Amino acid sequence: MRVPYIHTVPYDDSDGLLRREYDAAIKRAGKVFNVVGIQSLHPRVLRASIALYQTLMMGEGALPRWTRELLAVVVSRENGCHY
């Protein structure tokens, strides 16, 4: 059985925009979660992905934030994802 492997840039090897995104992730969550690190080869895409997530979860909208968070938890649980 083959185990999938995705190359990522470790924190200690990061610099520039990637280092800033990693530092921001640590500030937000206390660590760099895999969902962030997996995008490390493309720091501009990572930055855009985080911006989209923040807009969807914390921006203005018809649903209050707690409802958005609850939906995210339910979908993650249904998909077997701990994020």
PDB file of N, CA and C in Angstrom:
ATOM      1  N   MET A   1       0.842  -1.178   0.000  1.00  0.00           N
ATOM      2  CA  MET A   1       0.000   0.000   0.000  1.00  0.00           C
ATOM      3  C   MET A   1       0.889   1.243   0.000  1.00  0.00           C
ATOM      4  N   ARG A   2       0.625   2.160  -0.908  1.00  0.00           N
ATOM      5  CA  ARG A   2       1.391   3.408  -0.969  1.00  0.00           C
ATOM      6  C   ARG A   2       0.766   4.431  -0.032  1.00  0.00           C
ATOM      7  N   VAL A   3       1.602   5.123   0.676  1.00  0.00           N
ATOM      8  CA  VAL A   3       1.147   6.186   1.563  1.00  0.00           C
ATOM      9  C   VAL A   3       1.338   7.512   0.837  1.00  0.00           C
ATOM     10  N   PRO A   4       0.290   8.327   0.730  1.00  0.00           N
ATOM     11  CA  PRO A   4       0.449   9.596   0.028  1.00  0.00           C
ATOM     12  C   PRO A   4       1.398  10.523   0.784  1.00  0.00           C
ATOM     13  N   TYR A   5       2.136  11.312   0.038  1.00  0.00           N
ATOM     14  CA  TYR A   5       3.077  12.242   0.634  1.00  0.00           C
ATOM     15  C   TYR A   5       3.019  13.552  -0.137  1.00  0.00           C
ATOM     16  N   ILE A   6       2.902  14.623   0.579  1.00  0.00           N
ATOM     17  CA  ILE A   6       2.899  15.953  -0.024  1.00  0.00           C
ATOM     18  C   ILE A   6       4.044  16.737   0.587  1.00  0.00           C
ATOM     19  N   HIS A   7       4.924  17.227  -0.260  1.00  0.00           N
ATOM     20  CA  HIS A   7       6.056  18.014   0.217  1.00  0.00           C
ATOM     21  C   HIS A   7       5.556  19.344   0.771  1.00  0.00           C
ATOM     22  N   THR A   8       6.048  19.716   1.932  1.00  0.00           N
ATOM     23  CA  THR A   8       5.730  21.006   2.538  1.00  0.00           C
ATOM     24  C   THR A   8       7.024  21.676   2.975  1.00  0.00           C
ATOM     25  N   VAL A   9       6.949  22.956   3.227  1.00  0.00           N
ATOM     26  CA  VAL A   9       8.097  23.720   3.709  1.00  0.00           C
ATOM     27  C   VAL A   9       7.979  23.827   5.226  1.00  0.00           C
ATOM     28  N   PRO A  10       8.929  23.256   5.973  1.00  0.00           N
ATOM     29  CA  PRO A  10       8.888  23.369   7.427  1.00  0.00           C
ATOM     30  C   PRO A  10       9.082  24.822   7.880  1.00  0.00           C
ATOM     31  N   TYR A  11       8.605  25.125   9.059  1.00  0.00           N
ATOM     32  CA  TYR A  11       8.721  26.488   9.584  1.00  0.00           C
ATOM     33  C   TYR A  11      10.166  26.978   9.541  1.00  0.00           C
ATOM     34  N   ASP A  12      11.090  26.163   9.997  1.00  0.00           N
ATOM     35  CA  ASP A  12      12.495  26.586  10.067  1.00  0.00           C
ATOM     36  C   ASP A  12      13.104  26.877   8.699  1.00  0.00           C
ATOM     37  N   ASP A  13      12.515  26.349   7.636  1.00  0.00           N
ATOM     38  CA  ASP A  13      13.015  26.599   6.285  1.00  0.00           C
ATOM     39  C   ASP A  13      12.247  27.715   5.572  1.00  0.00           C
ATOM     40  N   SER A  14      11.254  28.274   6.238  1.00  0.00           N
ATOM     41  CA  SER A  14      10.426  29.301   5.610  1.00  0.00           C
ATOM     42  C   SER A  14      11.069  30.674   5.735  1.00  0.00           C
ATOM     43  N   ASP A  15      10.702  31.539   4.791  1.00  0.00           N
ATOM     44  CA  ASP A  15      11.154  32.930   4.857  1.00  0.00           C
ATOM     45  C   ASP A  15      10.154  33.798   4.100  1.00  0.00           C
ATOM     46  N   GLY A  16      10.344  35.096   4.132  1.00  0.00           N
ATOM     47  CA  GLY A  16       9.500  36.013   3.388  1.00  0.00           C
ATOM     48  C   GLY A  16       8.032  35.876   3.711  1.00  0.00           C
ATOM     49  N   LEU A  17       7.206  35.871   2.654  1.00  0.00           N
ATOM     50  CA  LEU A  17       5.756  35.794   2.813  1.00  0.00           C
ATOM     51  C   LEU A  17       5.340  34.529   3.547  1.00  0.00           C
ATOM     52  N   LEU A  18       5.944  33.406   3.240  1.00  0.00           N
ATOM     53  CA  LEU A  18       5.579  32.160   3.915  1.00  0.00           C
ATOM     54  C   LEU A  18       5.853  32.251   5.408  1.00  0.00           C
ATOM     55  N   ARG A  19       6.988  32.792   5.792  1.00  0.00           N
ATOM     56  CA  ARG A  19       7.293  32.927   7.223  1.00  0.00           C
ATOM     57  C   ARG A  19       6.255  33.829   7.899  1.00  0.00           C
ATOM     58  N   ARG A  20       5.870  34.894   7.226  1.00  0.00           N
ATOM     59  CA  ARG A  20       4.863  35.793   7.808  1.00  0.00           C
ATOM     60  C   ARG A  20       3.522  35.084   7.960  1.00  0.00           C
ATOM     61  N   GLU A  21       3.159  34.273   6.974  1.00  0.00           N
ATOM     62  CA  GLU A  21       1.903  33.514   7.077  1.00  0.00           C
ATOM     63  C   GLU A  21       1.986  32.465   8.187  1.00  0.00           C
ATOM     64  N   TYR A  22       3.115  31.786   8.288  1.00  0.00           N
ATOM     65  CA  TYR A  22       3.301  30.829   9.381  1.00  0.00           C
ATOM     66  C   TYR A  22       3.215  31.529  10.735  1.00  0.00           C
ATOM     67  N   ASP A  23       3.881  32.677  10.876  1.00  0.00           N
ATOM     68  CA  ASP A  23       3.838  33.413  12.146  1.00  0.00           C
ATOM     69  C   ASP A  23       2.413  33.846  12.486  1.00  0.00           C
ATOM     70  N   ALA A  24       1.667  34.282  11.469  1.00  0.00           N
ATOM     71  CA  ALA A  24       0.273  34.667  11.692  1.00  0.00           C
ATOM     72  C   ALA A  24      -0.559  33.456  12.114  1.00  0.00           C
ATOM     73  N   ALA A  25      -0.282  32.303  11.514  1.00  0.00           N
ATOM     74  CA  ALA A  25      -1.001  31.076  11.883  1.00  0.00           C
ATOM     75  C   ALA A  25      -0.721  30.706  13.332  1.00  0.00           C
ATOM     76  N   ILE A  26       0.521  30.828  13.735  1.00  0.00           N
ATOM     77  CA  ILE A  26       0.890  30.527  15.122  1.00  0.00           C
ATOM     78  C   ILE A  26       0.205  31.497  16.070  1.00  0.00           C
ATOM     79  N   LYS A  27       0.155  32.753  15.686  1.00  0.00           N
ATOM     80  CA  LYS A  27      -0.512  33.754  16.520  1.00  0.00           C
ATOM     81  C   LYS A  27      -2.003  33.444  16.653  1.00  0.00           C
ATOM     82  N   ARG A  28      -2.647  33.009  15.545  1.00  0.00           N
ATOM     83  CA  ARG A  28      -4.079  32.691  15.558  1.00  0.00           C
ATOM     84  C   ARG A  28      -4.388  31.408  16.311  1.00  0.00           C
ATOM     85  N   ALA A  29      -3.595  30.374  16.068  1.00  0.00           N
ATOM     86  CA  ALA A  29      -3.982  29.033  16.523  1.00  0.00           C
ATOM     87  C   ALA A  29      -2.967  28.349  17.425  1.00  0.00           C
ATOM     88  N   GLY A  30      -1.810  28.980  17.640  1.00  0.00           N
ATOM     89  CA  GLY A  30      -0.811  28.382  18.514  1.00  0.00           C
ATOM     90  C   GLY A  30       0.145  27.438  17.813  1.00  0.00           C
ATOM     91  N   LYS A  31      -0.106  27.145  16.552  1.00  0.00           N
ATOM     92  CA  LYS A  31       0.760  26.268  15.769  1.00  0.00           C
ATOM     93  C   LYS A  31       0.395  26.376  14.300  1.00  0.00           C
ATOM     94  N   VAL A  32       1.210  25.767  13.451  1.00  0.00           N
ATOM     95  CA  VAL A  32       0.914  25.713  12.023  1.00  0.00           C
ATOM     96  C   VAL A  32       0.220  24.376  11.762  1.00  0.00           C
ATOM     97  N   PHE A  33      -1.081  24.425  11.555  1.00  0.00           N
ATOM     98  CA  PHE A  33      -1.833  23.203  11.287  1.00  0.00           C
ATOM     99  C   PHE A  33      -1.532  22.709   9.874  1.00  0.00           C
ATOM    100  N   ASN A  34      -1.747  21.426   9.640  1.00  0.00           N
ATOM    101  CA  ASN A  34      -1.471  20.816   8.336  1.00  0.00           C
ATOM    102  C   ASN A  34      -2.213  21.509   7.202  1.00  0.00           C
ATOM    103  N   VAL A  35      -3.432  21.982   7.460  1.00  0.00           N
ATOM    104  CA  VAL A  35      -4.215  22.639   6.420  1.00  0.00           C
ATOM    105  C   VAL A  35      -3.510  23.909   5.930  1.00  0.00           C
ATOM    106  N   VAL A  36      -2.674  24.511   6.762  1.00  0.00           N
ATOM    107  CA  VAL A  36      -1.861  25.667   6.368  1.00  0.00           C
ATOM    108  C   VAL A  36      -0.568  25.188   5.711  1.00  0.00           C
ATOM    109  N   GLY A  37       0.127  24.291   6.353  1.00  0.00           N
ATOM    110  CA  GLY A  37       1.412  23.813   5.846  1.00  0.00           C
ATOM    111  C   GLY A  37       1.331  23.157   4.483  1.00  0.00           C
ATOM    112  N   ILE A  38       0.197  22.523   4.189  1.00  0.00           N
ATOM    113  CA  ILE A  38       0.065  21.824   2.913  1.00  0.00           C
ATOM    114  C   ILE A  38       0.067  22.796   1.730  1.00  0.00           C
ATOM    115  N   GLN A  39      -0.184  24.072   2.005  1.00  0.00           N
ATOM    116  CA  GLN A  39      -0.176  25.097   0.958  1.00  0.00           C
ATOM    117  C   GLN A  39       1.141  25.872   0.915  1.00  0.00           C
ATOM    118  N   SER A  40       2.139  25.398   1.641  1.00  0.00           N
ATOM    119  CA  SER A  40       3.378  26.152   1.832  1.00  0.00           C
ATOM    120  C   SER A  40       4.214  26.350   0.571  1.00  0.00           C
ATOM    121  N   LEU A  41       4.031  25.511  -0.433  1.00  0.00           N
ATOM    122  CA  LEU A  41       4.803  25.689  -1.666  1.00  0.00           C
ATOM    123  C   LEU A  41       4.322  26.887  -2.477  1.00  0.00           C
ATOM    124  N   HIS A  42       3.141  27.380  -2.133  1.00  0.00           N
ATOM    125  CA  HIS A  42       2.556  28.510  -2.857  1.00  0.00           C
ATOM    126  C   HIS A  42       2.035  29.539  -1.850  1.00  0.00           C
ATOM    127  N   PRO A  43       2.923  30.330  -1.249  1.00  0.00           N
ATOM    128  CA  PRO A  43       2.525  31.260  -0.191  1.00  0.00           C
ATOM    129  C   PRO A  43       1.443  32.261  -0.594  1.00  0.00           C
ATOM    130  N   ARG A  44       1.426  32.703  -1.847  1.00  0.00           N
ATOM    131  CA  ARG A  44       0.375  33.648  -2.254  1.00  0.00           C
ATOM    132  C   ARG A  44      -0.997  32.973  -2.274  1.00  0.00           C
ATOM    133  N   VAL A  45      -1.031  31.712  -2.663  1.00  0.00           N
ATOM    134  CA  VAL A  45      -2.283  30.954  -2.623  1.00  0.00           C
ATOM    135  C   VAL A  45      -2.691  30.739  -1.172  1.00  0.00           C
ATOM    136  N   LEU A  46      -1.740  30.428  -0.320  1.00  0.00           N
ATOM    137  CA  LEU A  46      -2.014  30.269   1.113  1.00  0.00           C
ATOM    138  C   LEU A  46      -2.621  31.544   1.674  1.00  0.00           C
ATOM    139  N   ARG A  47      -2.017  32.695   1.375  1.00  0.00           N
ATOM    140  CA  ARG A  47      -2.525  33.973   1.874  1.00  0.00           C
ATOM    141  C   ARG A  47      -3.954  34.204   1.390  1.00  0.00           C
ATOM    142  N   ALA A  48      -4.219  33.928   0.114  1.00  0.00           N
ATOM    143  CA  ALA A  48      -5.562  34.118  -0.429  1.00  0.00           C
ATOM    144  C   ALA A  48      -6.563  33.148   0.207  1.00  0.00           C
ATOM    145  N   SER A  49      -6.132  31.921   0.451  1.00  0.00           N
ATOM    146  CA  SER A  49      -6.995  30.920   1.075  1.00  0.00           C
ATOM    147  C   SER A  49      -7.386  31.347   2.489  1.00  0.00           C
ATOM    148  N   ILE A  50      -6.435  31.841   3.240  1.00  0.00           N
ATOM    149  CA  ILE A  50      -6.718  32.303   4.601  1.00  0.00           C
ATOM    150  C   ILE A  50      -7.640  33.510   4.566  1.00  0.00           C
ATOM    151  N   ALA A  51      -7.406  34.426   3.633  1.00  0.00           N
ATOM    152  CA  ALA A  51      -8.266  35.600   3.505  1.00  0.00           C
ATOM    153  C   ALA A  51      -9.702  35.197   3.170  1.00  0.00           C
ATOM    154  N   LEU A  52      -9.865  34.227   2.261  1.00  0.00           N
ATOM    155  CA  LEU A  52     -11.195  33.740   1.920  1.00  0.00           C
ATOM    156  C   LEU A  52     -11.869  33.122   3.141  1.00  0.00           C
ATOM    157  N   TYR A  53     -11.145  32.268   3.855  1.00  0.00           N
ATOM    158  CA  TYR A  53     -11.694  31.638   5.062  1.00  0.00           C
ATOM    159  C   TYR A  53     -12.136  32.690   6.073  1.00  0.00           C
ATOM    160  N   GLN A  54     -11.296  33.686   6.316  1.00  0.00           N
ATOM    161  CA  GLN A  54     -11.627  34.715   7.298  1.00  0.00           C
ATOM    162  C   GLN A  54     -12.842  35.526   6.861  1.00  0.00           C
ATOM    163  N   THR A  55     -12.944  35.810   5.575  1.00  0.00           N
ATOM    164  CA  THR A  55     -14.100  36.545   5.075  1.00  0.00           C
ATOM    165  C   THR A  55     -15.373  35.722   5.236  1.00  0.00           C
ATOM    166  N   LEU A  56     -15.302  34.441   4.872  1.00  0.00           N
ATOM    167  CA  LEU A  56     -16.477  33.580   4.987  1.00  0.00           C
ATOM    168  C   LEU A  56     -16.921  33.385   6.433  1.00  0.00           C
ATOM    169  N   MET A  57     -15.960  33.201   7.320  1.00  0.00           N
ATOM    170  CA  MET A  57     -16.300  32.884   8.703  1.00  0.00           C
ATOM    171  C   MET A  57     -16.536  34.119   9.579  1.00  0.00           C
ATOM    172  N   MET A  58     -15.870  35.223   9.288  1.00  0.00           N
ATOM    173  CA  MET A  58     -15.938  36.376  10.181  1.00  0.00           C
ATOM    174  C   MET A  58     -16.496  37.640   9.529  1.00  0.00           C
ATOM    175  N   GLY A  59     -16.704  37.586   8.210  1.00  0.00           N
ATOM    176  CA  GLY A  59     -17.217  38.752   7.500  1.00  0.00           C
ATOM    177  C   GLY A  59     -18.722  38.902   7.679  1.00  0.00           C
ATOM    178  N   GLU A  60     -19.239  39.938   7.060  1.00  0.00           N
ATOM    179  CA  GLU A  60     -20.679  40.170   7.122  1.00  0.00           C
ATOM    180  C   GLU A  60     -21.411  39.106   6.326  1.00  0.00           C
ATOM    181  N   GLY A  61     -22.614  38.811   6.752  1.00  0.00           N
ATOM    182  CA  GLY A  61     -23.410  37.818   6.054  1.00  0.00           C
ATOM    183  C   GLY A  61     -24.737  37.605   6.745  1.00  0.00           C
ATOM    184  N   ALA A  62     -25.572  36.810   6.122  1.00  0.00           N
ATOM    185  CA  ALA A  62     -26.905  36.571   6.661  1.00  0.00           C
ATOM    186  C   ALA A  62     -26.872  35.705   7.926  1.00  0.00           C
ATOM    187  N   LEU A  63     -25.848  34.871   8.052  1.00  0.00           N
ATOM    188  CA  LEU A  63     -25.758  33.974   9.206  1.00  0.00           C
ATOM    189  C   LEU A  63     -24.810  34.542  10.253  1.00  0.00           C
ATOM    190  N   PRO A  64     -25.185  34.420  11.538  1.00  0.00           N
ATOM    191  CA  PRO A  64     -24.246  34.846  12.579  1.00  0.00           C
ATOM    192  C   PRO A  64     -23.030  33.909  12.611  1.00  0.00           C
ATOM    193  N   ARG A  65     -21.932  34.406  13.171  1.00  0.00           N
ATOM    194  CA  ARG A  65     -20.690  33.631  13.176  1.00  0.00           C
ATOM    195  C   ARG A  65     -20.869  32.272  13.848  1.00  0.00           C
ATOM    196  N   TRP A  66     -21.599  32.214  14.958  1.00  0.00           N
ATOM    197  CA  TRP A  66     -21.744  30.942  15.668  1.00  0.00           C
ATOM    198  C   TRP A  66     -22.409  29.896  14.776  1.00  0.00           C
ATOM    199  N   THR A  67     -23.323  30.321  13.905  1.00  0.00           N
ATOM    200  CA  THR A  67     -23.980  29.386  13.004  1.00  0.00           C
ATOM    201  C   THR A  67     -22.997  28.874  11.958  1.00  0.00           C
ATOM    202  N   ARG A  68     -22.160  29.781  11.446  1.00  0.00           N
ATOM    203  CA  ARG A  68     -21.139  29.376  10.469  1.00  0.00           C
ATOM    204  C   ARG A  68     -20.170  28.379  11.089  1.00  0.00           C
ATOM    205  N   GLU A  69     -19.753  28.659  12.331  1.00  0.00           N
ATOM    206  CA  GLU A  69     -18.832  27.747  13.035  1.00  0.00           C
ATOM    207  C   GLU A  69     -19.489  26.387  13.255  1.00  0.00           C
ATOM    208  N   LEU A  70     -20.739  26.407  13.644  1.00  0.00           N
ATOM    209  CA  LEU A  70     -21.466  25.156  13.871  1.00  0.00           C
ATOM    210  C   LEU A  70     -21.568  24.346  12.588  1.00  0.00           C
ATOM    211  N   LEU A  71     -21.892  25.009  11.482  1.00  0.00           N
ATOM    212  CA  LEU A  71     -21.957  24.310  10.193  1.00  0.00           C
ATOM    213  C   LEU A  71     -20.604  23.714   9.818  1.00  0.00           C
ATOM    214  N   ALA A  72     -19.534  24.453  10.069  1.00  0.00           N
ATOM    215  CA  ALA A  72     -18.189  23.949   9.755  1.00  0.00           C
ATOM    216  C   ALA A  72     -17.873  22.702  10.581  1.00  0.00           C
ATOM    217  N   VAL A  73     -18.259  22.714  11.845  1.00  0.00           N
ATOM    218  CA  VAL A  73     -18.008  21.556  12.711  1.00  0.00           C
ATOM    219  C   VAL A  73     -18.801  20.348  12.234  1.00  0.00           C
ATOM    220  N   VAL A  74     -20.059  20.550  11.896  1.00  0.00           N
ATOM    221  CA  VAL A  74     -20.907  19.445  11.450  1.00  0.00           C
ATOM    222  C   VAL A  74     -20.358  18.843  10.147  1.00  0.00           C
ATOM    223  N   VAL A  75     -20.004  19.690   9.197  1.00  0.00           N
ATOM    224  CA  VAL A  75     -19.473  19.198   7.928  1.00  0.00           C
ATOM    225  C   VAL A  75     -18.151  18.462   8.143  1.00  0.00           C
ATOM    226  N   SER A  76     -17.269  19.031   8.974  1.00  0.00           N
ATOM    227  CA  SER A  76     -15.987  18.374   9.250  1.00  0.00           C
ATOM    228  C   SER A  76     -16.200  17.014   9.903  1.00  0.00           C
ATOM    229  N   ARG A  77     -17.095  16.955  10.861  1.00  0.00           N
ATOM    230  CA  ARG A  77     -17.366  15.677  11.533  1.00  0.00           C
ATOM    231  C   ARG A  77     -17.938  14.658  10.546  1.00  0.00           C
ATOM    232  N   GLU A  78     -18.859  15.091   9.726  1.00  0.00           N
ATOM    233  CA  GLU A  78     -19.456  14.191   8.733  1.00  0.00           C
ATOM    234  C   GLU A  78     -18.412  13.669   7.747  1.00  0.00           C
ATOM    235  N   ASN A  79     -17.435  14.510   7.438  1.00  0.00           N
ATOM    236  CA  ASN A  79     -16.364  14.123   6.518  1.00  0.00           C
ATOM    237  C   ASN A  79     -15.198  13.404   7.204  1.00  0.00           C
ATOM    238  N   GLY A  80     -15.300  13.225   8.512  1.00  0.00           N
ATOM    239  CA  GLY A  80     -14.228  12.547   9.241  1.00  0.00           C
ATOM    240  C   GLY A  80     -12.962  13.385   9.356  1.00  0.00           C
ATOM    241  N   CYS A  81     -13.114  14.691   9.310  1.00  0.00           N
ATOM    242  CA  CYS A  81     -11.967  15.612   9.364  1.00  0.00           C
ATOM    243  C   CYS A  81     -11.948  16.312  10.714  1.00  0.00           C
ATOM    244  N   HIS A  82     -10.811  16.308  11.369  1.00  0.00           N
ATOM    245  CA  HIS A  82     -10.744  16.940  12.699  1.00  0.00           C
ATOM    246  C   HIS A  82     -10.557  18.444  12.646  1.00  0.00           C
ATOM    247  N   TYR A  83     -10.496  19.036  11.467  1.00  0.00           N
ATOM    248  CA  TYR A  83     -10.431  20.494  11.364  1.00  0.00           C
ATOM    249  C   TYR A  83     -11.821  21.060  11.476  1.00  0.00           C
TER     250      TYR A  83
END
